[in-house]
Protein backbone atom coordinates (compact mmCIF):
# COMPACT_ATOMS: atom_id res chain seq x y z
CA MET A 1 15.76 10.17 -35.45
CA THR A 2 14.24 11.28 -38.67
CA ASP A 3 13.14 9.60 -41.71
CA LYS A 4 13.07 10.73 -45.25
CA VAL A 5 9.84 9.93 -47.25
CA VAL A 6 10.89 9.57 -50.95
CA PRO A 7 8.31 7.77 -53.72
CA ILE A 8 9.16 4.68 -55.24
CA ARG A 9 9.99 6.16 -58.99
CA GLY A 10 12.01 9.09 -58.41
CA ASN A 11 14.31 10.45 -55.52
CA GLU A 12 12.04 13.71 -54.90
CA LEU A 13 11.80 14.41 -51.45
CA ARG A 14 8.19 13.91 -50.06
CA ALA A 15 8.33 14.26 -46.41
CA GLU A 16 10.74 14.31 -43.14
CA VAL A 17 9.13 11.76 -40.66
CA GLY A 18 10.16 11.41 -37.19
CA GLY A 19 12.89 13.38 -34.78
CA PRO A 20 12.34 16.26 -32.01
CA VAL A 21 9.82 18.91 -31.06
CA ASP A 22 11.46 21.99 -32.44
CA GLU A 23 10.31 24.36 -30.43
CA PHE A 24 9.29 24.61 -26.66
CA ARG A 25 8.24 25.93 -23.13
CA VAL A 26 8.16 25.12 -19.93
CA THR A 27 6.05 27.23 -17.64
CA LEU A 28 4.69 26.94 -13.74
CA ALA A 29 1.81 29.28 -13.77
CA ILE A 30 0.42 29.62 -10.63
CA TYR A 31 -2.70 31.92 -10.38
CA GLY A 32 -5.58 32.67 -7.53
CA GLU A 33 -8.23 35.93 -6.71
CA THR A 34 -6.14 37.63 -3.97
CA LEU A 35 -2.39 36.36 -5.64
CA ASP A 36 0.13 39.43 -5.39
CA PRO A 37 2.66 39.00 -8.13
CA ARG A 38 5.35 40.42 -4.93
CA ASP A 39 4.69 37.68 -2.28
CA ILE A 40 5.27 34.63 -5.15
CA THR A 41 8.73 36.25 -6.01
CA LYS A 42 9.26 36.32 -1.97
CA LEU A 43 7.67 32.89 -1.94
CA VAL A 44 9.87 31.20 -4.58
CA GLY A 45 12.78 33.57 -4.27
CA LEU A 46 12.86 33.85 -8.39
CA GLU A 47 11.79 37.09 -10.61
CA PRO A 48 9.01 35.71 -12.48
CA THR A 49 9.50 35.35 -16.54
CA GLN A 50 5.47 37.38 -16.23
CA SER A 51 2.95 38.52 -13.66
CA HIS A 52 -0.07 40.44 -12.71
CA MET A 53 -2.35 41.16 -10.93
CA LYS A 54 -6.16 40.59 -10.62
CA GLY A 55 -8.00 43.43 -13.25
CA PHE A 56 -5.02 43.53 -15.15
CA GLN A 57 -5.95 44.49 -18.69
CA ARG A 58 -3.21 43.78 -21.69
CA ARG A 59 -4.86 47.17 -23.90
CA PRO A 60 -7.67 48.77 -23.40
CA ALA A 61 -10.22 47.04 -24.87
CA SER A 62 -9.20 43.13 -23.32
CA VAL A 63 -10.88 41.72 -21.04
CA PRO A 64 -9.48 42.34 -17.04
CA ALA A 65 -7.35 38.71 -15.92
CA PRO A 66 -9.68 36.69 -13.48
CA THR A 67 -7.09 36.33 -11.08
CA GLY A 68 -3.50 37.22 -10.25
CA GLY A 69 -0.48 34.99 -11.87
CA TRP A 70 2.76 34.26 -11.65
CA PHE A 71 4.64 32.69 -14.48
CA LEU A 72 8.43 31.50 -14.96
CA THR A 73 9.27 30.13 -18.24
CA VAL A 74 11.97 28.53 -19.41
CA GLU A 75 12.46 28.12 -23.33
CA GLY A 76 13.65 25.70 -25.46
CA HIS A 77 14.34 24.12 -29.41
CA ALA A 78 15.85 20.97 -31.02
CA PRO A 79 17.82 19.11 -30.19
CA ALA A 80 17.66 20.04 -26.38
CA SER A 81 14.28 18.41 -25.02
CA PRO A 82 11.16 19.56 -23.28
CA SER A 83 12.42 16.94 -20.59
CA ASP A 84 15.69 19.25 -20.67
CA ALA A 85 13.33 22.61 -20.19
CA ILE A 86 11.35 20.86 -17.05
CA GLU A 87 14.60 19.21 -15.18
CA SER A 88 16.28 23.14 -15.90
CA LEU A 89 12.78 24.77 -14.62
CA LEU A 90 12.12 23.15 -11.32
CA ARG A 91 16.21 22.93 -10.18
CA ARG A 92 15.89 26.58 -9.76
CA LEU A 93 12.78 26.27 -7.11
CA PRO A 94 13.05 24.70 -4.01
CA VAL A 95 12.59 21.05 -3.40
CA GLU A 96 10.95 20.69 0.05
CA LYS A 97 7.26 19.01 -0.13
CA GLU A 98 5.97 21.34 1.99
CA PHE A 99 7.05 24.20 0.00
CA TRP A 100 4.55 22.65 -3.07
CA GLU A 101 2.02 21.60 -0.45
CA SER A 102 1.91 25.31 0.94
CA LEU A 103 1.83 27.12 -2.42
CA THR A 104 -1.02 24.40 -3.67
CA SER A 105 -3.10 24.90 -1.04
CA SER A 106 -3.33 28.28 -1.55
CA TYR A 107 -3.44 29.35 -5.26
CA GLU A 108 -3.98 27.63 -8.41
CA VAL A 109 -0.61 25.65 -9.48
CA GLN A 110 0.08 24.31 -12.91
CA LEU A 111 3.26 22.98 -15.20
CA ARG A 112 2.74 24.02 -18.73
CA VAL A 113 4.47 22.27 -21.23
CA ALA A 114 4.12 24.20 -25.33
CA MET A 115 5.29 22.33 -27.95
CA HIS A 116 5.76 23.96 -31.33
CA THR A 117 6.68 21.62 -34.62
CA SER A 118 6.02 21.72 -38.07
CA GLY A 119 6.91 17.68 -40.26
CA MET A 120 5.48 14.55 -39.27
CA ASN A 121 5.47 12.54 -36.09
CA ARG A 122 7.64 14.63 -34.23
CA GLY A 123 8.26 13.34 -30.40
CA PHE A 124 9.85 13.79 -27.08
CA GLU A 125 10.03 11.87 -23.85
CA ILE A 126 9.47 12.52 -20.04
CA THR A 127 12.91 11.05 -18.62
CA PRO A 128 12.76 9.13 -15.73
CA ALA A 129 14.97 12.42 -13.72
CA ALA A 130 12.07 14.66 -15.24
CA ALA A 131 9.29 12.53 -13.91
CA ASP A 132 11.14 12.69 -10.51
CA ARG A 133 11.25 15.84 -10.42
CA VAL A 134 7.27 16.94 -11.19
CA ALA A 135 6.27 14.13 -8.78
CA ALA A 136 7.51 15.90 -5.85
CA THR A 137 5.89 18.68 -6.16
CA GLY A 138 2.47 17.51 -6.15
CA ILE A 139 1.04 18.98 -9.25
CA GLY A 140 0.47 17.11 -12.73
CA LEU A 141 1.56 18.41 -16.50
CA ASP A 142 -0.79 20.34 -19.00
CA PHE A 143 0.12 19.68 -22.96
CA ASP A 144 0.18 22.53 -25.10
CA LEU A 145 0.64 20.92 -29.09
CA TYR A 146 0.80 22.92 -31.86
CA PHE A 147 1.47 21.39 -35.09
CA TYR A 148 2.58 23.09 -38.51
CA GLY A 149 2.77 22.53 -41.64
CA GLU A 150 6.14 21.47 -43.59
CA ASP A 151 5.58 25.84 -44.82
CA ASP A 152 4.26 27.67 -41.63
CA HIS A 153 5.94 29.28 -39.31
CA HIS A 154 5.96 28.89 -35.65
CA VAL A 155 6.24 30.97 -32.92
């Protein structure tokens, strides 16, 4: 629900308060010293959104990547929620406990949720279904929050 804030005198809209976050991105990130993205793709059974080997440089002058990385990302916009994206991403992956134990024992595994929003008091919930899916992986959720002013543009 979005509330509108107006001054006591006059009817000029000052701000909108509340509502969902504008944009979000949920990423399964896997890192490893000797990680070969082809091995992770074979293990997971999905092509990554992005991947790289240790030492990869985006530009000639950039710092080489200290580890290999494999990333699978789901993006969304309001009225969908980060919880929807978490479920969508995790439904694509194996559910077996042994799969996640093998993955986390060999690599650093993160489930990252990036949220971009403008306005005041925007929020979201993690549904019980999404929380159950995350809990079954044995990995935590990392949140990256990006707040912009009313006139700023976001990615």
